[in-house]
N, C-alpha and C. Protein backbone atom coordinates (compact mmCIF):
# COMPACT_ATOMS: atom_id res chain seq x y z
N MET A 1 99.53 97.68 131.67
CA MET A 1 98.80 97.71 130.46
C MET A 1 98.74 96.20 129.73
N ASN A 2 98.00 95.91 129.19
CA ASN A 2 97.65 94.66 128.29
C ASN A 2 98.17 94.51 127.21
N ASN A 3 99.49 93.76 126.87
CA ASN A 3 100.26 93.53 125.69
C ASN A 3 99.34 93.24 124.36
N LYS A 4 98.32 92.26 124.67
CA LYS A 4 97.50 91.71 123.65
C LYS A 4 96.63 92.93 123.15
N GLY A 5 96.16 93.67 124.16
CA GLY A 5 95.35 94.72 123.41
C GLY A 5 96.32 95.98 122.74
N LEU A 6 97.31 95.92 123.14
CA LEU A 6 98.30 96.79 122.52
C LEU A 6 98.56 96.45 121.06
N LEU A 7 99.04 95.02 120.97
CA LEU A 7 99.27 94.53 119.70
C LEU A 7 98.06 94.39 118.71
N ASN A 8 96.76 94.16 119.34
CA ASN A 8 95.81 94.31 118.44
C ASN A 8 95.61 95.66 118.01
N SER A 9 95.82 96.57 118.84
CA SER A 9 95.44 98.17 118.52
C SER A 9 96.76 98.30 117.25
N VAL A 10 97.78 97.92 117.47
CA VAL A 10 98.92 98.31 116.36
C VAL A 10 98.28 97.57 115.06
N VAL A 11 98.12 96.19 115.07
CA VAL A 11 97.79 95.49 113.86
C VAL A 11 96.26 95.97 113.25
N GLY A 12 95.61 96.64 114.23
CA GLY A 12 94.48 97.22 113.35
C GLY A 12 94.74 98.51 112.86
N SER A 13 95.59 99.20 113.18
CA SER A 13 96.02 100.56 112.50
C SER A 13 96.56 100.16 111.18
N VAL A 14 97.51 99.12 111.45
CA VAL A 14 98.41 98.71 109.99
C VAL A 14 97.34 98.08 109.12
N LYS A 15 96.49 97.36 109.46
CA LYS A 15 95.29 96.95 108.68
C LYS A 15 94.63 97.88 107.87
N LEU A 16 94.43 99.11 108.43
CA LEU A 16 93.89 100.28 107.70
C LEU A 16 94.53 100.58 106.42
N LEU A 17 95.88 100.22 106.26
CA LEU A 17 96.62 100.46 105.02
C LEU A 17 96.51 99.51 104.14
N GLU A 18 95.91 98.29 104.46
CA GLU A 18 95.90 97.27 103.37
C GLU A 18 95.50 97.78 102.02
N GLU A 19 94.07 98.31 101.94
CA GLU A 19 93.75 98.75 100.64
C GLU A 19 94.40 99.72 100.03
N PRO A 20 94.57 100.79 100.67
CA PRO A 20 95.64 101.76 99.76
C PRO A 20 96.85 101.41 99.35
N LEU A 21 97.57 100.52 100.28
CA LEU A 21 98.89 100.26 100.03
C LEU A 21 98.77 99.04 98.72
N THR A 22 97.69 98.27 98.85
CA THR A 22 97.33 97.39 97.65
C THR A 22 97.23 97.97 96.37
N LYS A 23 96.40 99.12 96.22
CA LYS A 23 96.27 100.16 95.17
C LYS A 23 97.59 100.62 94.72
N SER A 24 98.29 101.06 95.85
CA SER A 24 99.57 101.85 95.04
C SER A 24 100.54 100.57 94.70
N LEU A 25 100.73 99.44 95.19
CA LEU A 25 101.51 98.36 94.71
C LEU A 25 101.33 98.08 93.42
N ARG A 26 99.87 97.90 93.29
CA ARG A 26 99.30 97.68 91.82
C ARG A 26 99.78 98.45 90.69
N SER A 27 99.44 99.60 91.13
CA SER A 27 99.92 100.87 90.26
C SER A 27 101.56 100.96 89.90
N ASP A 28 102.23 100.76 91.14
CA ASP A 28 103.78 100.89 90.81
C ASP A 28 104.18 99.41 90.01
N ALA A 29 103.43 98.21 90.02
CA ALA A 29 103.73 96.98 89.38
C ALA A 29 103.54 97.58 87.79
N VAL A 30 102.29 97.85 87.52
CA VAL A 30 102.03 98.49 86.12
C VAL A 30 102.98 99.29 85.60
N SER A 31 103.31 100.43 86.36
CA SER A 31 103.94 101.52 85.72
C SER A 31 105.44 101.09 85.63
N SER A 32 105.78 99.89 86.45
CA SER A 32 107.03 99.23 86.15
C SER A 32 107.19 98.47 85.02
N GLY A 33 106.03 98.15 84.37
CA GLY A 33 106.17 97.13 83.23
C GLY A 33 105.52 95.84 83.52
N TRP A 34 105.07 95.56 84.54
CA TRP A 34 104.24 94.23 84.75
C TRP A 34 103.30 94.25 83.93
N PRO A 35 102.70 93.12 83.62
CA PRO A 35 101.43 92.99 83.11
C PRO A 35 100.48 93.37 84.10
N GLU A 36 99.27 94.16 83.48
CA GLU A 36 98.23 94.72 84.59
C GLU A 36 97.49 93.40 85.12
N GLU A 37 97.30 92.52 84.21
CA GLU A 37 96.59 90.90 84.53
C GLU A 37 97.35 90.31 85.75
N ILE A 38 98.50 90.48 85.72
CA ILE A 38 99.32 89.96 86.92
C ILE A 38 99.35 90.94 88.04
N ALA A 39 99.60 92.06 87.95
CA ALA A 39 99.52 93.02 89.09
C ALA A 39 98.21 93.26 89.86
N ASN A 40 97.05 93.10 89.21
CA ASN A 40 96.12 93.03 89.83
C ASN A 40 95.81 91.82 90.86
N TYR A 41 96.82 90.94 90.87
CA TYR A 41 96.59 89.70 91.58
C TYR A 41 97.30 90.09 92.94
N LEU A 42 98.22 91.15 92.92
CA LEU A 42 99.03 91.48 94.23
C LEU A 42 98.22 92.11 95.20
N SER A 43 98.28 91.83 96.59
CA SER A 43 97.76 92.51 97.68
C SER A 43 98.69 92.50 98.62
N VAL A 44 98.30 93.66 99.34
CA VAL A 44 99.29 93.64 100.72
C VAL A 44 98.35 93.43 101.90
N VAL A 45 98.78 92.55 102.59
CA VAL A 45 98.12 92.13 103.88
C VAL A 45 98.81 92.03 105.11
N VAL A 46 98.12 92.24 106.36
CA VAL A 46 98.69 92.01 107.66
C VAL A 46 98.39 90.45 108.26
N VAL A 47 99.42 89.84 108.42
CA VAL A 47 99.21 88.48 109.09
C VAL A 47 99.77 88.46 110.28
N ASP A 48 99.10 88.40 111.51
CA ASP A 48 99.64 88.66 112.82
C ASP A 48 100.29 90.04 112.81
N ASP A 49 101.35 90.11 113.15
CA ASP A 49 101.99 91.65 113.17
C ASP A 49 103.05 91.75 111.98
N ASN A 50 102.83 91.00 110.92
CA ASN A 50 103.79 91.18 109.64
C ASN A 50 102.96 91.79 108.35
N LEU A 51 103.55 92.68 107.60
CA LEU A 51 103.05 93.34 106.43
C LEU A 51 103.65 92.30 105.49
N LEU A 52 102.83 91.79 104.54
CA LEU A 52 103.26 90.95 103.62
C LEU A 52 102.43 91.32 101.96
N ILE A 53 103.26 90.84 101.33
CA ILE A 53 102.56 90.92 99.81
C ILE A 53 102.16 89.55 99.67
N ASN A 54 100.70 89.42 99.19
CA ASN A 54 100.27 88.23 98.89
C ASN A 54 99.87 88.10 97.31
N TYR A 55 99.88 86.87 96.93
CA TYR A 55 99.43 86.58 95.58
C TYR A 55 99.30 84.97 95.49
N PRO A 56 98.47 84.64 94.43
CA PRO A 56 98.02 83.33 94.29
C PRO A 56 99.21 82.31 93.98
N ASP A 57 99.33 81.21 94.79
CA ASP A 57 100.36 80.37 94.38
C ASP A 57 100.38 80.07 92.78
N GLU A 58 99.47 79.91 92.16
CA GLU A 58 99.63 79.57 90.76
C GLU A 58 100.28 80.52 90.16
N LEU A 59 100.39 81.63 90.49
CA LEU A 59 101.15 82.78 89.77
C LEU A 59 102.46 83.11 90.25
N ALA A 60 102.95 82.30 91.30
CA ALA A 60 104.15 82.38 92.03
C ALA A 60 105.26 82.61 90.97
N LYS A 61 105.39 81.36 90.11
CA LYS A 61 106.58 81.42 89.30
C LYS A 61 106.70 82.78 88.27
N ILE A 62 105.64 83.10 87.87
CA ILE A 62 105.55 84.45 86.94
C ILE A 62 105.89 85.44 87.67
N ILE A 63 105.33 85.80 88.75
CA ILE A 63 105.69 87.08 89.82
C ILE A 63 107.11 86.87 90.36
N GLU A 64 107.59 85.82 90.62
CA GLU A 64 108.93 85.74 91.13
C GLU A 64 109.94 86.00 89.76
N ASP A 65 109.39 85.50 88.78
CA ASP A 65 110.29 85.80 87.50
C ASP A 65 110.22 87.34 87.13
N LEU A 66 109.18 87.87 87.62
CA LEU A 66 109.01 89.61 87.20
C LEU A 66 109.85 90.05 88.33
N GLU A 67 109.95 89.73 89.47
CA GLU A 67 110.27 90.36 90.73
C GLU A 67 112.03 90.11 90.65
N TYR A 68 112.45 88.94 90.45
CA TYR A 68 113.90 88.48 90.37
C TYR A 68 114.64 88.42 89.22
N GLY A 69 113.80 88.21 88.11
CA GLY A 69 114.30 87.96 86.89
C GLY A 69 114.55 86.57 86.54
N ASN A 70 114.86 86.22 85.29
CA ASN A 70 115.25 84.78 85.17
C ASN A 70 116.17 84.68 84.12
N GLY A 71 116.68 83.69 83.53
CA GLY A 71 117.77 83.79 82.54
C GLY A 71 117.58 84.70 81.34
N SER A 72 116.54 85.08 80.92
CA SER A 72 116.39 85.96 79.84
C SER A 72 115.83 87.37 79.99
N ASP A 73 115.25 87.51 81.23
CA ASP A 73 114.69 88.86 81.47
C ASP A 73 115.19 89.52 82.65
N SER A 74 115.50 90.65 82.79
CA SER A 74 116.07 91.39 83.95
C SER A 74 115.17 91.42 85.08
N PRO A 75 115.47 91.57 86.28
CA PRO A 75 114.56 91.86 87.33
C PRO A 75 113.74 93.12 87.47
N THR A 76 112.58 93.22 87.98
CA THR A 76 111.92 94.40 88.00
C THR A 76 111.42 94.36 89.37
N PRO A 77 112.18 94.69 90.40
CA PRO A 77 111.94 94.48 91.88
C PRO A 77 110.90 95.55 92.37
N VAL A 78 109.82 95.14 91.97
CA VAL A 78 108.50 96.23 92.43
C VAL A 78 108.32 95.79 93.77
N MET A 79 108.05 94.75 94.11
CA MET A 79 107.83 94.28 95.70
C MET A 79 108.47 94.55 96.71
N ARG A 80 109.91 94.34 96.42
CA ARG A 80 110.97 94.77 97.48
C ARG A 80 111.18 96.37 97.44
N ARG A 81 111.05 96.97 96.10
CA ARG A 81 111.19 98.50 96.43
C ARG A 81 109.90 99.05 96.86
N PHE A 82 108.71 98.37 96.69
CA PHE A 82 107.50 98.88 97.46
C PHE A 82 107.66 98.97 98.98
N LEU A 83 107.97 97.66 99.54
CA LEU A 83 108.21 97.66 101.05
C LEU A 83 109.14 98.46 101.47
N GLY A 84 110.24 98.63 100.91
CA GLY A 84 111.05 99.60 101.22
C GLY A 84 110.84 100.97 101.22
N ASN A 85 110.08 101.15 100.38
CA ASN A 85 109.59 102.72 100.38
C ASN A 85 108.48 103.05 101.10
N ASN A 86 107.65 102.08 101.72
CA ASN A 86 106.61 102.07 102.32
C ASN A 86 106.73 102.08 103.88
N GLN A 87 107.96 101.87 104.31
CA GLN A 87 108.31 101.59 105.78
C GLN A 87 107.92 102.71 106.47
N ILE A 88 107.84 104.00 106.08
CA ILE A 88 107.65 105.16 106.83
C ILE A 88 106.06 105.14 107.11
N SER A 89 105.44 104.94 106.01
CA SER A 89 103.63 104.93 106.30
C SER A 89 103.37 103.64 107.23
N ILE A 90 104.14 102.71 107.07
CA ILE A 90 104.03 101.59 108.15
C ILE A 90 104.33 102.02 109.53
N ALA A 91 105.48 102.66 109.63
CA ALA A 91 105.91 103.13 111.16
C ALA A 91 104.89 103.97 111.44
N ASN A 92 104.39 105.05 110.72
CA ASN A 92 103.49 106.05 111.22
C ASN A 92 102.21 105.34 111.64
N SER A 93 101.82 104.47 110.86
CA SER A 93 100.62 103.69 111.31
C SER A 93 100.55 102.98 112.82
N ILE A 94 101.83 102.34 112.74
CA ILE A 94 102.13 101.70 113.88
C ILE A 94 102.25 102.54 115.27
N GLU A 95 102.77 103.56 114.96
CA GLU A 95 102.92 104.71 115.98
C GLU A 95 101.82 105.33 116.36
N GLY A 96 100.73 105.67 115.37
CA GLY A 96 99.57 106.04 115.55
C GLY A 96 98.69 104.91 116.42
N GLY A 97 98.81 103.78 116.31
CA GLY A 97 98.09 102.73 117.04
C GLY A 97 98.50 102.64 118.36
N LEU A 98 99.86 102.90 118.54
CA LEU A 98 100.48 102.79 119.88
C LEU A 98 99.56 104.15 120.78
N VAL A 99 99.78 105.08 120.21
CA VAL A 99 99.28 106.37 120.82
C VAL A 99 97.79 106.25 121.33
N ASN A 100 97.00 105.64 120.14
CA ASN A 100 95.56 105.44 120.46
C ASN A 100 95.26 104.53 121.60
N HIS A 101 96.24 103.53 121.57
CA HIS A 101 95.85 102.42 122.53
C HIS A 101 96.34 103.21 123.95
N LEU A 102 97.30 104.13 124.10
CA LEU A 102 97.46 104.70 125.40
C LEU A 102 96.41 105.59 125.81
N PHE A 103 95.79 106.22 124.73
CA PHE A 103 94.68 107.06 125.14
C PHE A 103 93.45 106.25 125.62
N ASP A 104 93.25 105.18 124.70
CA ASP A 104 92.16 104.45 124.90
C ASP A 104 92.05 103.68 126.38
N THR A 105 93.32 103.15 126.93
CA THR A 105 93.63 102.51 128.25
C THR A 105 93.62 103.43 129.30
N GLU A 106 93.61 104.72 129.00
CA GLU A 106 93.68 105.96 129.73
C GLU A 106 95.19 105.84 130.65
N VAL A 107 96.29 105.37 129.94
CA VAL A 107 97.60 105.47 130.51
C VAL A 107 97.86 106.80 130.13
N LEU A 108 97.62 107.73 129.00
CA LEU A 108 97.65 108.91 128.82
C LEU A 108 96.29 109.66 128.84
N PRO A 109 96.29 110.81 129.67
CA PRO A 109 94.90 111.66 129.98
C PRO A 109 94.40 112.28 128.51
């Protein structure tokens, strides 16, 4: 079995989750009180084999203050909670990618 092909299959399966997870993350952020104009810059991306939340560097301070709080505002941990809550979806997608790869490479009939 080709490990590179297996990794590509798994990453491809997880990449299919980027768009729906991004929409869900943005919705969670807004419903948790984040400004919509900030939430709309959040995106879920797969880089290599890692699932990450991406946002523009110029908004990093604002987003980190929302997520972790600052001296005057309490934290609203949307990103950390989101990643924790979506681990099952991510695991299921990875599992699906592995199974598909096994059938595609005819390891399983």
